[in-house]
Amino acid sequence: MKTRLKEGHPVFGFTVTTSSLDSAVQAASLGFDFLWIEMEHSPVTLETLRNIVLATRACATVPFARVPVNELWTAKRVLDAGVCGVVFPFTTTPDLAARAAAACRYPPAGRRGSGAGLAARTWRSESNYHDSADNNVVVVTVVEEAAAVEQIDEIAATPGIDVLFIGTSDLSFSLGLRGEQNHPALDQAIAKIVSAARKHGKYAGRPLRDRAQLSAYREQGFSFFQAPTDLDFLTAGVRAYLDK
């Protein structure tokens, strides 16, 4: 993932919201770069997360988890289950950005606990797990409040953060737009976040609902994309079938 981003390639993550291992494995075999395993907005449990890690370890697609809250212990649980990236919601302050970075690295660089026996058994590197994880785990912070935009330069400057991901729907609500996605105020906030990411060497990310939007988003500076959910793809496929 990090190599692809450094080389300038876009990366795409299939969003997992159900506990179906068959669905997760199928998605991991179709060409996505990562699975965005959704633990904030869906009932996916830690046990299901671990089973997805085990079931997809032979696939090129790597598992990420969005944790419910930005806390040390929530990150520790999913990292010890073997994920390769953690997505931290509502990273609204520089302190929360620093907390996210620290949660994903071992001392002295961070505060992650050392009990990663399960993770080491499914990690893809043959080298020392602790060193490899410190170098390769992807840290994604979600910017989704107006207050975060006001502090975005300080958030983006945080060492150890890889991706500034814009939660465009929540950001719209925070700006008083009730989820509207086509509004100058939202566009200005997005542009400010992308500019801060570029300035501080971070990758910018956002949801990609429609493949037709990709070229415009790439021109804006985005390279990390959350694709629709398993249920969204199921719905689209069924509608296309029945409509014909």
Protein backbone atom coordinates (compact mmCIF):
# COMPACT_ATOMS: atom_id res chain seq x y z
CA MET A 1 0.00 0.00 0.00
CA LYS A 2 2.65 2.51 1.04
CA THR A 3 4.81 1.64 -1.99
CA ARG A 4 1.89 2.15 -4.37
CA LEU A 5 1.07 5.51 -2.81
CA LYS A 6 4.70 6.64 -2.93
CA GLU A 7 4.84 5.73 -6.60
CA GLY A 8 1.83 7.94 -7.26
CA HIS A 9 -0.78 5.23 -7.80
CA PRO A 10 -4.32 5.56 -6.47
CA VAL A 11 -5.50 2.88 -4.02
CA PHE A 12 -9.05 1.65 -3.52
CA GLY A 13 -10.71 0.00 -0.53
CA PHE A 14 -13.84 -2.16 -0.61
CA THR A 15 -16.03 -1.37 2.41
CA VAL A 16 -17.07 -4.38 4.51
CA THR A 17 -20.19 -3.85 6.62
CA THR A 18 -21.49 -7.42 7.02
CA SER A 19 -20.12 -10.46 8.80
CA SER A 20 -20.04 -12.62 5.65
CA LEU A 21 -16.57 -14.14 5.21
CA ASP A 22 -17.50 -15.26 1.69
CA SER A 23 -18.27 -11.67 0.73
CA ALA A 24 -15.02 -10.35 2.24
CA VAL A 25 -12.88 -13.02 0.57
CA GLN A 26 -14.59 -12.48 -2.78
CA ALA A 27 -13.97 -8.73 -2.55
CA ALA A 28 -10.33 -9.38 -1.61
CA SER A 29 -9.87 -11.46 -4.75
CA LEU A 30 -11.26 -8.91 -7.21
CA GLY A 31 -8.40 -6.41 -7.35
CA PHE A 32 -9.00 -3.94 -4.53
CA ASP A 33 -5.93 -2.70 -2.69
CA PHE A 34 -7.45 -2.98 0.77
CA LEU A 35 -10.59 -3.90 2.67
CA TRP A 36 -12.09 -1.07 4.72
CA ILE A 37 -13.63 -3.16 7.52
CA GLU A 38 -16.27 -0.92 9.02
CA MET A 39 -16.51 -1.15 12.82
CA GLU A 40 -17.84 2.35 13.47
CA HIS A 41 -21.06 2.22 11.46
CA SER A 42 -21.75 -1.52 11.34
CA PRO A 43 -22.01 -4.43 13.82
CA VAL A 44 -18.77 -6.13 12.65
CA THR A 45 -17.16 -7.61 15.78
CA LEU A 46 -13.54 -8.24 16.70
CA GLU A 47 -14.08 -11.96 16.18
CA THR A 48 -15.42 -11.34 12.66
CA LEU A 49 -12.50 -9.00 11.98
CA ARG A 50 -10.02 -11.70 12.99
CA ASN A 51 -11.79 -14.26 10.81
CA ILE A 52 -11.60 -11.88 7.83
CA VAL A 53 -7.87 -11.41 8.44
CA LEU A 54 -7.40 -15.19 8.50
CA ALA A 55 -9.62 -15.82 5.49
CA THR A 56 -7.93 -13.21 3.27
CA ARG A 57 -4.28 -13.69 4.22
CA ALA A 58 -3.51 -15.38 0.88
CA CYS A 59 -5.02 -12.46 -1.06
CA ALA A 60 -3.11 -9.43 -2.31
CA THR A 61 -5.73 -7.17 -0.75
CA VAL A 62 -4.83 -6.13 2.82
CA PRO A 63 -7.27 -5.60 5.71
CA PHE A 64 -7.83 -2.20 7.32
CA ALA A 65 -10.26 -1.47 10.16
CA ARG A 66 -12.11 1.72 10.99
CA VAL A 67 -12.40 1.70 14.76
CA PRO A 68 -15.43 3.17 16.58
CA VAL A 69 -13.49 5.91 18.39
CA ASN A 70 -9.99 7.39 18.36
CA GLU A 71 -8.54 5.66 21.43
CA LEU A 72 -5.37 3.69 22.15
CA TRP A 73 -7.24 0.56 23.18
CA THR A 74 -9.52 0.41 20.12
CA ALA A 75 -6.50 0.56 17.82
CA LYS A 76 -4.66 -2.05 19.86
CA ARG A 77 -7.50 -4.56 19.53
CA VAL A 78 -7.65 -4.40 15.73
CA LEU A 79 -3.87 -4.25 15.27
CA ASP A 80 -3.46 -7.33 17.44
CA ALA A 81 -6.05 -9.04 15.24
CA GLY A 82 -3.65 -8.53 12.34
CA VAL A 83 -4.88 -5.55 10.32
CA CYS A 84 -2.44 -3.60 8.16
CA GLY A 85 -4.05 -0.20 8.66
CA VAL A 86 -6.25 1.65 11.13
CA VAL A 87 -8.79 4.34 10.26
CA PHE A 88 -9.47 6.77 13.11
CA PRO A 89 -12.79 8.67 12.97
CA PHE A 90 -13.37 12.27 14.09
CA THR A 91 -9.70 13.23 14.32
CA THR A 92 -10.57 16.82 15.06
CA THR A 93 -7.52 18.10 16.94
CA PRO A 94 -3.72 17.78 16.73
CA ASP A 95 -3.82 15.87 20.02
CA LEU A 96 -6.14 13.26 18.53
CA ALA A 97 -3.91 13.00 15.46
CA ALA A 98 -0.91 12.40 17.73
CA ARG A 99 -2.92 9.81 19.67
CA ALA A 100 -3.70 7.93 16.45
CA ALA A 101 -0.05 7.88 15.39
CA ALA A 102 1.12 6.73 18.83
CA ALA A 103 -1.49 3.96 18.98
CA CYS A 104 -0.04 2.29 15.89
CA ARG A 105 3.64 2.17 16.87
CA TYR A 106 5.64 0.53 19.61
CA PRO A 107 7.70 2.50 22.13
CA PRO A 108 9.67 4.66 22.01
CA ALA A 109 7.93 6.01 18.88
CA GLY A 110 4.44 5.23 20.21
CA ARG A 111 2.36 3.58 22.90
CA ARG A 112 1.21 0.29 21.37
CA GLY A 113 1.25 -2.71 23.72
CA SER A 114 3.48 -5.63 22.78
CA GLY A 115 1.04 -8.57 22.90
CA ALA A 116 0.71 -9.21 19.16
CA GLY A 117 0.95 -13.00 19.04
CA LEU A 118 -2.08 -13.40 16.79
CA ALA A 119 -1.05 -10.58 14.48
CA ALA A 120 2.45 -11.98 14.04
CA ARG A 121 0.99 -15.30 12.86
CA THR A 122 -0.80 -13.66 9.95
CA TRP A 123 1.60 -10.79 9.16
CA ARG A 124 2.96 -10.78 5.62
CA SER A 125 6.58 -10.02 6.41
CA GLU A 126 9.06 -12.66 7.52
CA SER A 127 11.09 -10.09 9.47
CA ASN A 128 10.57 -9.10 13.09
CA TYR A 129 6.87 -8.31 13.46
CA HIS A 130 7.30 -5.27 15.71
CA ASP A 131 9.76 -3.54 13.39
CA SER A 132 7.79 -4.47 10.28
CA ALA A 133 4.50 -3.25 11.77
CA ASP A 134 6.05 0.06 12.84
CA ASN A 135 7.21 0.60 9.26
CA ASN A 136 4.21 -0.69 7.37
CA VAL A 137 0.97 -0.11 9.29
CA VAL A 138 -0.98 2.66 7.54
CA VAL A 139 -2.46 5.34 9.82
CA VAL A 140 -5.56 7.03 8.42
CA THR A 141 -7.10 10.01 10.24
CA VAL A 142 -10.61 11.09 9.26
CA VAL A 143 -11.29 14.81 9.05
CA GLU A 144 -15.04 15.26 9.34
CA GLU A 145 -15.76 18.33 11.48
CA ALA A 146 -15.52 22.06 10.81
CA ALA A 147 -13.35 22.42 13.91
CA ALA A 148 -10.79 20.07 12.35
CA VAL A 149 -10.60 22.21 9.21
CA GLU A 150 -9.74 25.20 11.39
CA GLN A 151 -6.74 23.25 12.76
CA ILE A 152 -5.92 21.26 9.65
CA ASP A 153 -2.37 22.57 9.24
CA GLU A 154 -1.42 21.37 12.73
CA ILE A 155 -3.22 18.04 12.22
CA ALA A 156 -1.49 17.46 8.88
CA ALA A 157 1.91 18.25 10.41
CA THR A 158 1.61 15.35 12.90
CA PRO A 159 4.43 12.81 12.46
CA GLY A 160 3.29 9.24 11.86
CA ILE A 161 0.07 10.07 10.03
CA ASP A 162 -0.09 8.68 6.49
CA VAL A 163 -3.51 9.69 5.17
CA LEU A 164 -5.88 12.60 5.77
CA PHE A 165 -9.24 11.12 4.80
CA ILE A 166 -12.16 13.51 4.38
CA GLY A 167 -15.48 12.24 5.71
CA THR A 168 -17.41 14.37 3.25
CA SER A 169 -20.88 13.56 4.59
CA ASP A 170 -20.13 14.29 8.26
CA LEU A 171 -18.12 17.35 7.27
CA SER A 172 -21.12 18.62 5.32
CA PHE A 173 -23.34 18.16 8.36
CA SER A 174 -20.79 19.89 10.57
CA LEU A 175 -20.82 22.85 8.20
CA GLY A 176 -24.61 23.04 8.53
CA LEU A 177 -25.26 21.65 5.05
CA ARG A 178 -27.21 18.53 6.12
CA GLY A 179 -25.11 16.19 4.01
CA GLU A 180 -25.21 18.20 0.78
CA GLN A 181 -22.18 17.37 -1.35
CA ASN A 182 -22.31 20.17 -3.92
CA HIS A 183 -21.83 23.40 -2.01
CA PRO A 184 -19.09 26.05 -2.17
CA ALA A 185 -18.50 25.92 1.60
CA LEU A 186 -17.80 22.19 1.46
CA ASP A 187 -15.61 22.59 -1.63
CA GLN A 188 -13.55 25.25 0.15
CA ALA A 189 -13.08 23.04 3.22
CA ILE A 190 -12.02 20.08 1.05
CA ALA A 191 -9.53 22.22 -0.86
CA LYS A 192 -8.02 23.45 2.41
CA ILE A 193 -7.57 19.88 3.69
CA VAL A 194 -5.97 18.69 0.44
CA SER A 195 -3.61 21.66 0.47
CA ALA A 196 -2.51 20.88 4.04
CA ALA A 197 -1.97 17.20 3.15
CA ARG A 198 0.20 18.16 0.19
CA LYS A 199 2.17 20.69 2.25
CA HIS A 200 3.05 18.16 4.94
CA GLY A 201 3.62 15.09 2.76
CA LYS A 202 0.42 13.26 3.62
CA TYR A 203 -1.91 11.47 1.21
CA ALA A 204 -5.44 12.81 0.76
CA GLY A 205 -8.40 10.45 0.74
CA ARG A 206 -12.15 10.57 0.29
CA PRO A 207 -15.10 8.30 -0.57
CA LEU A 208 -15.49 7.40 -4.24
CA ARG A 209 -19.11 6.54 -4.88
CA ASP A 210 -19.02 6.89 -8.66
CA ARG A 211 -16.13 5.73 -10.86
CA ALA A 212 -16.80 8.70 -13.16
CA GLN A 213 -15.60 11.06 -10.40
CA LEU A 214 -12.12 9.55 -10.25
CA SER A 215 -10.36 11.77 -12.80
CA ALA A 216 -11.60 14.97 -11.14
CA TYR A 217 -10.63 13.73 -7.68
CA ARG A 218 -7.18 12.72 -8.89
CA GLU A 219 -6.66 16.19 -10.35
CA GLN A 220 -7.63 17.67 -6.99
CA GLY A 221 -4.88 15.65 -5.31
CA PHE A 222 -6.64 12.57 -3.94
CA SER A 223 -5.01 9.13 -4.06
CA PHE A 224 -6.72 7.10 -1.29
CA PHE A 225 -10.31 6.07 -1.99
CA GLN A 226 -13.05 4.32 -0.04
CA ALA A 227 -15.22 2.39 -2.48
CA PRO A 228 -18.88 1.61 -1.74
CA THR A 229 -20.01 -1.06 0.70
CA ASP A 230 -20.80 -4.70 0.10
CA LEU A 231 -24.51 -3.90 0.32
CA ASP A 232 -24.15 -0.95 -2.07
CA PHE A 233 -22.48 -3.17 -4.67
CA LEU A 234 -25.12 -5.86 -4.16
CA THR A 235 -27.88 -3.30 -4.67
CA ALA A 236 -26.26 -1.86 -7.80
CA GLY A 237 -25.75 -5.31 -9.29
CA VAL A 238 -29.30 -6.42 -8.58
CA ARG A 239 -30.80 -3.23 -9.98
CA ALA A 240 -28.72 -3.51 -13.16
CA TYR A 241 -29.90 -7.13 -13.55
CA LEU A 242 -33.58 -6.49 -12.90
CA ASP A 243 -33.69 -3.29 -14.96
CA LYS A 244 -32.60 -5.30 -17.99
